[in-house]
Protein backbone atom coordinates (compact mmCIF):
# COMPACT_ATOMS: atom_id res chain seq x y z
CA MET A 1 10.13 41.58 7.92
CA LYS A 2 12.90 43.68 8.37
CA PHE A 3 15.06 43.61 10.78
CA TYR A 4 17.20 46.46 11.65
CA LEU A 5 19.73 47.71 14.79
CA PRO A 6 18.72 50.48 16.38
CA THR A 7 20.57 53.70 16.95
CA PHE A 8 22.46 53.62 20.38
CA ILE A 9 22.49 56.28 22.52
CA VAL A 10 25.82 57.63 24.45
CA CYS A 11 23.95 57.30 27.60
CA PHE A 12 22.94 53.93 27.50
CA PHE A 13 26.52 52.62 26.52
CA ILE A 14 27.77 54.69 29.83
CA PHE A 15 24.83 52.43 31.48
CA SER A 16 25.19 49.18 29.80
CA SER A 17 29.33 49.15 30.83
CA CYS A 18 28.62 49.66 34.17
CA ASN A 19 25.78 46.68 34.52
CA GLN A 20 27.20 43.10 36.38
CA HIS A 21 25.26 41.21 34.46
CA PRO A 22 27.08 39.07 31.02
CA ALA A 23 26.46 40.91 27.59
CA ALA A 24 24.40 38.89 25.70
CA ASP A 25 25.28 37.90 22.15
CA ARG A 26 21.66 39.07 20.82
CA ILE A 27 18.92 40.87 21.75
CA TYR A 28 15.03 41.13 20.49
CA LEU A 29 13.16 43.64 21.49
CA ASN A 30 9.50 45.48 21.02
CA ALA A 31 7.98 42.44 20.59
CA LYS A 32 5.16 40.85 21.63
CA ILE A 33 6.29 37.89 24.03
CA TRP A 34 3.88 34.91 24.87
CA THR A 35 6.49 33.12 27.10
CA GLY A 36 4.35 29.90 27.96
CA ASP A 37 5.89 30.62 31.17
CA SER A 38 3.01 31.23 33.98
CA ALA A 39 5.05 33.47 36.53
CA ASN A 40 6.44 35.60 33.58
CA PRO A 41 3.85 35.41 30.67
CA GLU A 42 4.57 38.39 28.85
CA ALA A 43 7.68 40.17 27.97
CA LYS A 44 8.83 42.80 25.41
CA ALA A 45 12.10 41.62 24.70
CA ILE A 46 14.33 38.31 25.24
CA ALA A 47 18.34 38.72 25.46
CA ILE A 48 20.48 35.44 24.24
CA LYS A 49 23.33 33.97 25.38
CA ASP A 50 25.08 31.34 23.24
CA SER A 51 22.27 28.88 23.19
CA LEU A 52 20.43 30.03 25.74
CA ILE A 53 18.24 32.22 27.43
CA LEU A 54 19.82 35.08 29.09
CA TYR A 55 17.10 37.22 30.17
CA VAL A 56 12.76 37.48 29.24
CA GLY A 57 11.06 41.13 30.16
CA ASN A 58 10.98 44.85 29.92
CA ASP A 59 14.42 45.98 31.17
CA PHE A 60 17.26 44.69 28.68
CA GLN A 61 19.51 47.45 29.03
CA GLN A 62 21.66 45.74 31.96
CA TYR A 63 22.15 42.85 29.25
CA ALA A 64 23.73 44.35 26.59
CA ASP A 65 26.67 45.73 25.86
CA ASP A 66 28.46 47.18 22.59
CA HIS A 67 29.00 43.86 20.99
CA THR A 68 25.42 42.91 21.44
CA ILE A 69 23.42 42.82 18.09
CA LEU A 70 19.99 44.45 18.83
CA VAL A 71 17.03 43.90 16.92
CA ASP A 72 13.73 45.61 16.61
CA LEU A 73 11.05 43.27 15.84
CA ASN A 74 8.57 45.88 15.07
CA GLY A 75 5.55 44.92 17.66
CA LYS A 76 5.44 41.18 16.37
CA MET A 77 4.54 38.52 18.07
CA MET A 78 6.69 35.81 19.25
CA VAL A 79 5.99 32.33 20.89
CA PRO A 80 8.30 29.13 21.98
CA GLY A 81 9.42 27.56 19.36
CA PHE A 82 6.95 25.35 17.96
CA THR A 83 7.16 21.22 18.84
CA ASP A 84 5.41 18.85 16.66
CA ASN A 85 4.31 15.99 18.75
CA HIS A 86 3.91 12.85 15.52
CA VAL A 87 5.91 13.55 12.28
CA HIS A 88 7.09 10.95 9.44
CA PHE A 89 9.49 13.25 9.09
CA LEU A 90 12.16 11.49 5.95
CA ASP A 91 8.74 10.30 4.74
CA GLY A 92 7.54 13.67 4.71
CA GLY A 93 11.13 15.00 3.45
CA TYR A 94 10.82 12.10 0.66
CA TYR A 95 7.49 12.97 -0.18
CA LEU A 96 8.13 16.54 -1.13
CA ALA A 97 10.34 15.58 -4.00
CA ASN A 98 7.65 13.02 -5.33
CA ILE A 99 4.35 13.15 -6.68
CA ASP A 100 1.81 14.61 -4.73
CA LEU A 101 -2.49 14.35 -5.14
CA ARG A 102 -3.27 15.77 -1.87
CA ASP A 103 -5.51 18.36 -3.55
CA VAL A 104 -6.73 16.08 -6.30
CA LYS A 105 -10.83 16.16 -6.25
CA SER A 106 -12.23 13.74 -8.84
CA LYS A 107 -10.89 10.22 -10.31
CA ALA A 108 -10.18 12.35 -13.97
CA ASP A 109 -7.76 14.87 -11.58
CA PHE A 110 -6.42 11.97 -10.21
CA ILE A 111 -5.26 9.83 -13.72
CA SER A 112 -4.40 12.98 -14.62
CA ALA A 113 -2.02 14.42 -12.04
CA PHE A 114 -0.21 11.19 -11.94
CA ARG A 115 0.12 10.61 -15.85
CA HIS A 116 1.83 14.52 -15.70
CA TYR A 117 4.42 12.89 -12.88
CA THR A 118 4.95 9.60 -14.54
CA ASP A 119 5.75 11.69 -17.74
CA SER A 120 8.82 13.17 -16.05
CA ALA A 121 10.08 10.34 -14.29
CA LYS A 122 12.72 8.10 -15.70
CA GLY A 123 13.39 4.65 -16.14
CA ASN A 124 11.93 2.02 -14.35
CA SER A 125 11.89 3.59 -10.84
CA TRP A 126 9.31 3.30 -8.64
CA ILE A 127 7.05 5.51 -7.99
CA ARG A 128 6.17 6.71 -4.74
CA GLY A 129 4.45 9.45 -2.69
CA GLY A 130 0.65 10.09 -3.25
CA ASN A 131 -1.43 11.38 -0.19
CA TRP A 132 -4.79 11.02 -2.26
CA ASP A 133 -7.87 10.99 -0.66
CA HIS A 134 -10.70 9.44 -1.94
CA GLU A 135 -13.33 10.79 -0.03
CA ALA A 136 -12.48 14.06 -2.09
CA TRP A 137 -14.54 12.57 -5.15
CA GLY A 138 -17.25 11.04 -3.11
CA GLY A 139 -15.64 7.76 -1.76
CA GLU A 140 -14.51 5.46 -4.65
CA LEU A 141 -11.03 3.64 -4.37
CA PRO A 142 -8.86 4.12 -6.86
CA ARG A 143 -7.82 1.30 -8.67
CA ALA A 144 -4.38 -0.18 -10.44
CA ILE A 145 -6.79 -0.48 -13.70
CA TRP A 146 -6.55 4.09 -13.23
CA ILE A 147 -3.00 4.12 -13.83
CA ASP A 148 -1.68 0.74 -14.94
CA SER A 149 -2.17 1.81 -18.70
CA ILE A 150 0.26 5.66 -17.87
CA SER A 151 2.23 4.20 -15.49
CA GLY A 152 4.93 2.38 -18.30
CA GLU A 153 7.66 0.16 -16.85
CA HIS A 154 7.44 1.76 -13.64
CA PRO A 155 6.27 -0.28 -10.50
CA VAL A 156 3.59 1.92 -8.24
CA PHE A 157 2.69 1.94 -4.54
CA ILE A 158 1.19 5.29 -3.71
CA SER A 159 -0.26 5.80 0.11
CA ARG A 160 -3.55 7.57 1.12
CA TYR A 161 -2.92 10.64 2.93
CA ASP A 162 -3.10 8.72 6.33
CA GLY A 163 -0.71 6.52 5.76
CA HIS A 164 -2.78 3.13 5.93
CA MET A 165 -4.18 2.16 2.61
CA GLY A 166 -1.57 2.03 -0.37
CA LEU A 167 -2.39 1.77 -4.17
CA ALA A 168 -0.48 -0.97 -6.20
CA ASN A 169 -0.53 -1.32 -9.82
CA SER A 170 -0.63 -4.39 -11.94
CA ILE A 171 3.71 -4.54 -11.77
CA ALA A 172 3.99 -3.72 -8.11
CA LEU A 173 0.80 -6.81 -7.85
CA LYS A 174 2.95 -9.23 -9.69
CA MET A 175 6.31 -8.12 -7.60
CA ALA A 176 4.84 -8.87 -4.57
CA GLY A 177 3.05 -12.34 -5.67
CA ILE A 178 -0.39 -10.71 -4.62
CA THR A 179 -2.89 -12.64 -6.46
CA LYS A 180 -6.45 -13.91 -6.20
CA ASN A 181 -5.62 -16.42 -4.26
CA THR A 182 -3.08 -14.26 -1.29
CA ASN A 183 -5.01 -14.63 1.82
CA ASN A 184 -5.09 -11.16 3.67
CA PRO A 185 -2.08 -11.00 6.35
CA PRO A 186 -2.60 -10.74 10.24
CA GLY A 187 -3.70 -6.95 10.71
CA GLY A 188 -4.18 -6.30 7.11
CA GLU A 189 -6.68 -6.77 3.73
CA ILE A 190 -5.95 -7.13 0.21
CA VAL A 191 -8.97 -5.68 -0.97
CA LYS A 192 -10.55 -8.18 -3.58
CA ASP A 193 -13.32 -7.27 -7.24
CA PRO A 194 -16.26 -8.52 -5.54
CA LYS A 195 -16.98 -10.55 -8.91
CA THR A 196 -13.61 -11.56 -10.34
CA GLY A 197 -11.77 -11.79 -7.01
CA GLU A 198 -8.63 -10.08 -8.78
CA PRO A 199 -6.58 -7.70 -6.33
CA THR A 200 -7.94 -4.49 -7.46
CA GLY A 201 -4.45 -3.10 -6.37
CA ILE A 202 -5.47 -1.22 -2.58
CA LEU A 203 -3.54 -2.62 0.49
CA ARG A 204 -5.01 -2.37 3.84
CA ASP A 205 -2.82 -1.57 6.75
CA GLU A 206 0.01 -4.82 7.39
CA ALA A 207 -1.13 -5.69 3.83
CA THR A 208 1.16 -2.11 2.69
CA ASN A 209 4.21 -4.35 3.64
CA LEU A 210 3.31 -6.89 1.16
CA VAL A 211 4.75 -4.87 -1.51
CA SER A 212 7.01 -1.71 0.63
CA ARG A 213 9.01 -5.02 1.68
CA ILE A 214 10.47 -5.75 -1.80
CA ILE A 215 10.77 -1.80 -2.32
CA THR A 216 14.73 -0.78 -2.39
CA GLY A 217 15.75 1.16 -0.37
CA LEU A 218 16.73 4.45 -0.50
CA THR A 219 20.50 4.98 -0.37
CA GLU A 220 22.00 7.16 2.60
CA LYS A 221 22.76 10.52 0.34
CA GLU A 222 19.00 10.05 -0.39
CA LEU A 223 17.46 9.82 2.96
CA ASP A 224 20.01 12.80 3.67
CA GLU A 225 18.47 14.83 0.92
CA SER A 226 15.01 13.77 2.47
CA LEU A 227 16.06 14.97 6.04
CA ASP A 228 17.56 17.95 4.35
CA ARG A 229 14.12 18.96 2.45
CA ALA A 230 12.05 18.31 5.97
CA ALA A 231 14.37 20.24 8.05
CA SER A 232 14.10 23.69 5.89
CA HIS A 233 10.23 22.70 5.53
CA ALA A 234 9.87 22.34 9.74
CA LEU A 235 11.72 25.66 9.79
CA SER A 236 10.06 27.57 7.40
CA HIS A 237 6.87 26.91 9.57
CA GLY A 238 7.81 27.91 12.62
CA PHE A 239 8.89 24.04 14.19
CA THR A 240 12.20 23.74 16.10
CA GLN A 241 12.04 20.32 17.47
CA VAL A 242 9.48 17.32 16.31
CA HIS A 243 9.04 13.92 17.80
CA ASP A 244 9.81 11.71 14.59
CA MET A 245 7.74 8.39 14.99
CA GLY A 246 9.82 7.06 12.05
CA THR A 247 9.16 5.65 8.50
CA TYR A 248 11.50 2.62 7.94
CA GLY A 249 11.32 1.10 11.36
CA GLY A 250 13.02 4.01 13.36
CA TRP A 251 16.07 2.59 13.26
CA ILE A 252 17.36 3.69 9.80
CA ASP A 253 15.79 7.21 10.57
CA MET A 254 17.77 7.36 14.31
CA ALA A 255 21.43 6.26 12.05
CA THR A 256 20.44 9.02 9.31
CA TYR A 257 19.76 12.15 11.83
CA ARG A 258 22.93 10.51 14.17
CA ARG A 259 24.96 10.91 10.67
CA ALA A 260 23.72 14.59 10.08
CA GLU A 261 24.36 15.57 13.76
CA ALA A 262 28.27 14.46 14.26
CA ALA A 263 28.68 16.26 10.69
CA GLY A 264 26.87 19.30 12.01
CA LYS A 265 24.37 19.83 9.94
CA LEU A 266 21.15 19.15 11.87
CA PRO A 267 19.45 22.37 12.48
CA ILE A 268 16.48 20.99 13.72
CA ARG A 269 16.05 19.30 17.63
CA ILE A 270 14.68 15.66 16.97
CA TYR A 271 13.08 13.31 19.65
CA SER A 272 13.29 9.49 17.70
CA PHE A 273 11.45 7.04 18.32
CA VAL A 274 11.56 3.46 16.93
CA ALA A 275 9.39 0.18 16.37
CA ILE A 276 8.34 -1.21 19.66
CA SER A 277 8.97 -4.49 18.38
CA SER A 278 12.74 -3.79 18.68
CA TRP A 279 12.44 -2.61 22.27
CA ALA A 280 15.66 -4.82 23.63
CA LYS A 281 17.63 -3.35 20.59
CA LEU A 282 17.25 -0.26 21.62
CA ASP A 283 17.01 -0.63 25.55
CA SER A 284 20.85 -2.24 25.29
CA PHE A 285 21.52 0.56 22.99
CA VAL A 286 20.84 3.30 25.14
CA LYS A 287 22.70 1.34 27.73
CA ILE A 288 25.66 1.78 25.66
CA ASN A 289 25.19 5.10 24.35
CA GLY A 290 22.82 6.67 26.47
CA ARG A 291 19.89 9.00 25.36
CA GLY A 292 21.70 11.79 22.90
CA ASN A 293 22.19 15.71 23.54
CA ASN A 294 19.83 18.74 23.36
CA LEU A 295 19.85 18.27 19.50
CA LEU A 296 19.15 14.38 18.90
CA ARG A 297 17.56 12.10 21.75
CA TRP A 298 15.90 8.62 21.42
CA GLY A 299 14.08 6.42 23.89
CA GLY A 300 10.76 5.93 22.57
CA LEU A 301 9.46 3.37 21.33
CA LYS A 302 6.49 3.65 18.87
CA GLY A 303 3.60 0.71 18.42
CA PHE A 304 0.18 0.08 16.71
CA VAL A 305 -3.01 -1.02 18.20
CA ASP A 306 -5.53 -0.33 15.29
CA GLY A 307 -5.85 1.35 11.73
CA SER A 308 -7.39 4.52 10.45
CA LEU A 309 -10.75 5.76 10.39
CA GLY A 310 -10.67 6.73 6.58
CA SER A 311 -9.64 3.38 5.50
CA THR A 312 -12.12 2.00 7.60
CA THR A 313 -9.29 -0.14 10.06
CA ALA A 314 -9.62 1.97 13.68
CA TRP A 315 -11.12 -0.49 16.05
CA PHE A 316 -14.17 0.15 17.44
CA TYR A 317 -16.77 -1.59 19.80
CA LYS A 318 -19.70 -1.19 17.35
CA PRO A 319 -19.31 -1.63 13.21
CA TYR A 320 -19.16 1.52 11.23
CA LEU A 321 -21.82 2.45 9.52
CA ASP A 322 -20.90 2.35 5.95
CA ALA A 323 -19.08 -1.30 6.50
CA PRO A 324 -21.75 -2.80 9.38
CA LYS A 325 -19.78 -6.06 8.95
CA SER A 326 -16.60 -4.46 10.19
CA THR A 327 -15.28 -3.10 13.76
CA GLY A 328 -11.93 -1.76 12.12
CA LEU A 329 -8.21 -4.25 13.28
CA GLN A 330 -6.12 -4.81 15.44
CA VAL A 331 -3.20 -4.22 13.52
CA THR A 332 -0.69 -5.57 15.70
CA ASP A 333 -1.18 -9.08 18.30
CA THR A 334 -2.62 -7.72 21.20
CA ILE A 335 -0.70 -10.62 22.79
CA LEU A 336 2.52 -9.59 21.76
CA LEU A 337 2.01 -5.57 22.16
CA ARG A 338 0.87 -5.95 25.77
CA LYS A 339 3.82 -7.60 26.78
CA TRP A 340 6.43 -5.51 24.61
CA VAL A 341 5.07 -2.52 26.62
CA LEU A 342 5.04 -3.88 29.95
CA ALA A 343 8.62 -4.63 28.95
CA ALA A 344 9.37 -1.71 27.41
CA ASP A 345 8.30 0.07 30.33
CA SER A 346 10.01 -1.84 32.62
CA ALA A 347 13.35 -0.74 30.87
CA GLY A 348 12.40 2.65 31.13
CA LEU A 349 11.64 3.27 28.21
CA GLN A 350 8.91 5.48 26.76
CA VAL A 351 6.20 3.84 24.92
CA ALA A 352 3.77 6.20 22.43
CA CYS A 353 1.26 3.73 20.94
CA HIS A 354 -1.54 4.42 18.25
CA ALA A 355 -4.78 3.93 19.17
CA ILE A 356 -7.63 5.75 17.24
CA GLY A 357 -11.17 3.78 17.50
CA ASP A 358 -12.63 3.63 21.03
CA ARG A 359 -11.97 0.33 21.78
CA ALA A 360 -8.50 0.41 20.73
CA ASN A 361 -7.83 3.58 22.81
CA ASP A 362 -9.63 1.43 25.94
CA TRP A 363 -7.42 -1.36 25.57
CA ILE A 364 -3.95 0.41 25.67
CA LEU A 365 -5.12 2.41 28.30
CA ASN A 366 -5.45 -0.79 30.22
CA VAL A 367 -2.25 -1.81 29.16
CA TYR A 368 -0.74 1.29 30.89
CA GLU A 369 -2.76 1.39 33.69
CA GLU A 370 -1.43 -2.24 34.18
CA ALA A 371 2.02 -1.15 33.89
CA GLU A 372 1.09 1.66 36.64
CA LYS A 373 0.21 -0.69 39.28
CA LEU A 374 3.31 -2.59 38.65
CA ARG A 375 5.43 -0.09 39.24
CA PRO A 376 3.51 2.99 40.74
CA GLU A 377 7.02 4.88 41.98
CA LYS A 378 8.26 5.36 37.45
CA ASP A 379 7.15 8.21 35.59
CA HIS A 380 5.69 6.86 32.89
CA ARG A 381 4.82 9.12 30.69
CA PHE A 382 3.06 7.09 28.50
CA ARG A 383 1.28 8.26 24.85
CA VAL A 384 -1.10 7.59 22.93
CA GLU A 385 -1.07 8.63 19.85
CA HIS A 386 -3.86 10.25 17.91
CA ALA A 387 -6.51 9.25 20.52
CA GLN A 388 -9.39 10.11 18.27
CA HIS A 389 -12.43 8.61 19.21
CA LEU A 390 -12.82 7.81 23.45
CA THR A 391 -15.78 6.87 25.37
CA GLU A 392 -16.56 8.86 28.12
CA ASP A 393 -14.51 6.74 31.01
CA ALA A 394 -11.27 7.37 28.57
CA ILE A 395 -11.36 10.85 28.88
CA GLU A 396 -10.97 10.61 33.00
CA ARG A 397 -8.09 8.23 32.78
CA PHE A 398 -5.93 9.63 30.43
CA ALA A 399 -5.66 12.74 33.28
CA ARG A 400 -5.37 10.04 36.02
CA LEU A 401 -2.89 8.02 34.43
CA LYS A 402 -0.89 10.73 33.15
CA VAL A 403 -0.89 9.29 29.81
CA VAL A 404 -0.31 11.68 27.36
CA PRO A 405 -3.65 12.54 24.22
CA SER A 406 -0.86 13.09 21.27
CA MET A 407 -3.88 14.79 19.41
CA GLN A 408 -3.25 16.08 15.30
CA PRO A 409 -5.80 18.74 15.30
CA TYR A 410 -5.63 19.74 11.34
CA HIS A 411 -7.20 15.93 10.95
CA ALA A 412 -10.42 17.11 12.96
CA ILE A 413 -11.28 19.81 10.31
CA ASP A 414 -10.19 16.99 7.70
CA ASP A 415 -12.18 13.82 9.37
CA GLY A 416 -14.92 16.58 10.37
CA LYS A 417 -16.19 16.78 6.06
CA TRP A 418 -17.38 13.08 5.85
CA ALA A 419 -16.68 11.07 9.57
CA ALA A 420 -20.71 11.08 9.46
CA LYS A 421 -20.87 8.60 6.87
CA ARG A 422 -18.53 6.26 9.04
CA LEU A 423 -19.84 6.55 12.45
CA ASP A 424 -22.73 7.66 14.39
CA SER A 425 -23.30 11.06 16.51
CA ALA A 426 -23.26 9.34 19.77
CA ARG A 427 -19.27 8.29 18.55
CA LEU A 428 -18.45 11.58 16.51
CA LYS A 429 -19.43 13.66 20.41
CA ARG A 430 -16.66 12.27 21.59
CA THR A 431 -14.15 12.92 18.25
CA TYR A 432 -11.33 15.13 19.04
CA ILE A 433 -12.51 16.28 22.63
CA PHE A 434 -9.84 18.37 22.89
CA LYS A 435 -11.29 20.65 25.58
CA SER A 436 -12.54 18.02 27.75
CA LEU A 437 -9.11 16.40 27.85
CA LEU A 438 -7.99 19.76 29.08
CA GLU A 439 -11.09 20.66 31.41
CA SER A 440 -9.90 16.82 32.93
CA ASN A 441 -6.18 18.16 33.62
CA ALA A 442 -4.70 15.78 30.32
CA ASN A 443 -1.91 16.83 29.23
CA LEU A 444 -3.25 17.25 25.36
CA THR A 445 -0.71 17.73 23.01
CA PHE A 446 -0.71 18.87 19.66
CA GLY A 447 1.52 17.98 15.83
CA SER A 448 0.60 17.13 12.60
CA ASP A 449 1.56 13.25 11.42
CA TRP A 450 2.97 14.97 8.37
CA PRO A 451 3.06 14.03 5.96
CA VAL A 452 -0.39 13.08 6.76
CA ALA A 453 -1.48 16.57 7.03
CA PRO A 454 0.42 19.79 6.49
CA LEU A 455 3.75 20.35 9.01
CA ASP A 456 1.91 23.32 10.05
CA PRO A 457 1.46 24.82 13.17
CA ILE A 458 -0.87 27.56 11.92
CA ALA A 459 -3.11 25.33 10.38
CA GLY A 460 -3.20 23.72 13.41
CA ILE A 461 -4.16 26.05 15.99
CA TYR A 462 -6.94 27.45 13.49
CA ALA A 463 -8.43 24.07 13.57
CA ALA A 464 -8.09 23.67 17.25
CA VAL A 465 -9.62 27.24 17.71
CA THR A 466 -12.36 27.38 15.27
CA ARG A 467 -12.75 23.63 14.14
CA ARG A 468 -14.26 24.74 10.87
CA THR A 469 -14.09 22.04 8.45
CA LEU A 470 -12.14 22.06 5.54
CA ASP A 471 -15.14 22.42 3.26
CA ASP A 472 -16.45 25.10 4.94
CA LYS A 473 -19.88 23.32 5.85
CA ASN A 474 -19.46 24.09 9.90
CA PRO A 475 -18.55 27.65 10.11
CA GLY A 476 -19.55 27.53 13.61
CA GLY A 477 -17.24 24.66 14.36
CA TRP A 478 -18.07 20.66 14.22
CA PHE A 479 -18.55 20.11 17.88
CA PRO A 480 -17.80 23.59 18.51
CA GLU A 481 -18.08 22.89 22.65
CA GLN A 482 -14.46 21.32 22.15
CA LYS A 483 -12.91 24.57 20.82
CA LEU A 484 -9.57 25.77 22.39
CA SER A 485 -8.31 29.18 23.26
CA VAL A 486 -5.64 30.57 21.30
CA GLU A 487 -3.72 30.31 24.61
CA GLN A 488 -4.84 26.89 24.99
CA ALA A 489 -3.50 25.57 21.59
CA LEU A 490 -0.36 27.58 21.77
CA ARG A 491 0.14 25.59 24.87
CA CYS A 492 -0.32 22.26 23.58
CA TYR A 493 2.32 22.92 21.12
CA THR A 494 5.09 23.85 23.23
CA VAL A 495 4.73 23.61 26.87
CA ASN A 496 2.63 19.98 27.05
CA ASN A 497 4.77 18.67 24.16
CA ALA A 498 7.81 19.98 26.13
CA TRP A 499 6.70 17.47 28.95
CA ALA A 500 5.59 14.98 26.78
CA GLY A 501 9.04 14.44 25.35
CA PHE A 502 10.87 14.88 28.99
CA GLN A 503 12.37 18.09 28.00
CA GLU A 504 9.92 20.82 30.05
CA GLN A 505 13.19 21.99 31.81
CA LYS A 506 14.52 22.99 28.39
CA THR A 507 11.86 23.67 26.08
CA GLY A 508 8.35 24.78 26.02
CA LYS A 509 9.00 28.35 27.71
CA LEU A 510 10.71 31.01 26.88
CA LYS A 511 12.58 31.48 30.67
CA THR A 512 15.85 32.15 31.60
CA GLY A 513 18.18 29.15 31.44
CA MET A 514 16.51 27.74 29.02
CA LEU A 515 16.90 26.76 25.48
CA ALA A 516 16.72 29.54 23.20
CA ASP A 517 13.89 28.75 20.96
CA PHE A 518 11.13 30.48 19.63
CA THR A 519 9.09 31.48 16.31
CA VAL A 520 8.46 35.30 15.62
CA LEU A 521 4.73 35.67 13.84
CA SER A 522 3.53 37.82 11.09
CA GLU A 523 0.06 38.46 13.32
CA ASP A 524 -0.92 38.68 17.18
CA LEU A 525 -3.03 35.57 17.49
CA PHE A 526 -4.45 36.90 20.25
CA THR A 527 -6.25 39.72 18.61
CA ILE A 528 -7.29 38.85 15.13
CA ALA A 529 -10.61 37.26 14.55
CA PRO A 530 -10.15 33.16 14.38
CA GLU A 531 -10.88 32.54 10.99
CA ASN A 532 -7.69 34.95 10.11
CA ILE A 533 -5.73 32.51 12.09
CA ARG A 534 -4.52 30.40 8.85
CA ASN A 535 -3.28 33.81 6.98
CA THR A 536 -0.61 34.23 9.61
CA LYS A 537 3.38 33.73 8.23
CA VAL A 538 6.06 32.46 10.14
CA LEU A 539 8.91 35.44 9.97
CA LEU A 540 11.42 34.27 12.12
CA THR A 541 12.41 30.57 13.52
CA VAL A 542 15.41 30.68 16.34
CA VAL A 543 16.87 27.64 17.24
CA ASN A 544 19.82 27.17 19.83
CA GLY A 545 19.84 31.25 19.78
CA LYS A 546 20.80 30.56 16.22
CA GLU A 547 18.25 32.22 13.24
CA ALA A 548 17.35 29.22 11.26
CA PHE A 549 14.92 30.73 9.07
CA LYS A 550 14.05 34.31 8.05
CA ARG A 551 11.30 35.34 5.55
C-alpha cells in the first residue's frame, strides 16, 4: 500500500483558513474506520494533533490548514491500536534470535533442527529457546539422549511452547545437580525413566527453576536487544500496547523498559507486571515512583495457581483421561497465594493470576470474591489469566465480580487438535467459552501469551471467529457455539483490553481527546469470508500520533 498526499484545491484552503478549530498535524482520510466508540461507531477520517485525536468523522476539512499532511488510505480499514493482554515480551524478543522448534512435526525433525542450530552456536554458551510441542508428533516427550550427542559442550535448556515444561540435556542436569535421587520440588515434577529412575531431561513447572536459576542472566545489552526485537515484531503486527507478564520475575523486565523509556527508545506502550510474591516491594516502589506514564506503566502483579493442559499440570477436579492418577498441580502454595492476593489488593495494586484448570479457576475466584467482600467499594478489576476450563458456576461469577477473563484465542485452535485425549466432552464444552462469557457480560479480553502463541491479533481474531483448529479437522469450528463475531473479537483486543488495564479513558477507542493509537489493515474484516481473515496484513501502525510501522 502506498500513501500519497492529494492535491488541494484553492477553495478548500480558503475554507480551512477561516475555521476556528486547531489545525491537525496529520489527517488520515478515505478510510473505513471502526472506532470502538458506540456513540460514533464508523467514520471516514481521523485528525491527529501531537499525540492526541482531534477529530473522528467525515467532515475533516475544518481541521486542515496548509501545514496539515493529508494521507489517503484508499478505503482501507482502520481500527484502534491492538493491545495484547498477556505477553512475556523480553522472552519473546530473546526467542526471536534463538532456536525455534515450533514447526517441528517429528522426532527426526526435532533432532535435525537442533543439530542445525547447534552447528552455528559458539563456544560452550547455553542453548535456549525451543517452543517445541510433543503433541505434534504423537505425544512422546523428548529426552536428553535425543540431543546429548549433538549439543557438544553446550548446556541446553529449551522450553515447551506453553512455558510449563522444559528439556535439559545431560550437561545442564549435571550442572543443576539433578539426579535419580533428587526429589520433586513443590509445584513441580522431575520426570524420570520408569525403568532406571534416571531423569529423562523433562522438567515440569516449578522443577524448571532447578535449571533456570543457574543460567547466567542476560546483560543489559542483551535485554535491550531483546526489547528492540520484541517491539519491532509487535508493531509490525499492529500492536500499540502490550500487558507484559514478565520473564525474569518482572523486575528486570521493568528496569529494561524504564531504561528504554528514559532514553526515548520505547516505541510501544507497556503495562509491566511483576511477580505477586514481591507485592510489598511493588507497593513501596509505587509510593515512591508513582505508576509511570502513558507510555510505560506498572502497578500490576502476576501469580500462578496451576500449570498447563499440555503439560498435564492444569488443576482439575477430575483426573486427566491420559493421566488417570493426576488432577494437575497447584504451582504456588495456596495459603501463601491467598495471603498475597488479599494483601496486594488491600494495597491498591492490580492482581492477575494464571488459572487454567476448572478447579484452579474456582479457587482463584473464591479468593477474589473474598477480597470483594472485604472491600466492596474498591474498583478491583481482578484478572484471571487464561481462564481456559470453567465450571458452569464460574461463568456467572466472572461478570458478577467484574473479574477479567484474560484469554488467548489462538490457544483454542491449537489445543483443539489434541485436547480430547486429555479431557472428557463435558469439560471440553466449557473450554475457551468466549461467547458464554460475553453473553454473561464479562469483560472478555484477548491476547497471545507470546511466545507461547504467535504475537498476532489477526491470528487471534481468526481463531475467535472461526474456531477452526490448526489441523483443519474442524472446518465448522471446534465447539462452534462459542464463535464470536468480528466486532466482538475486535472489541476484546481494543476496548475491553483498555478497561482491563485501567486505560479506558485514554486508549481502546478512536475518539476525540484520546491517545492517537491506531492500526490500518489490508482487508475489511467485516466483509471478507471468515476463513480469509488470517491472510490480512497490517499496513500501518500509529502510536502516539507517530507512524511506528509502515508496510
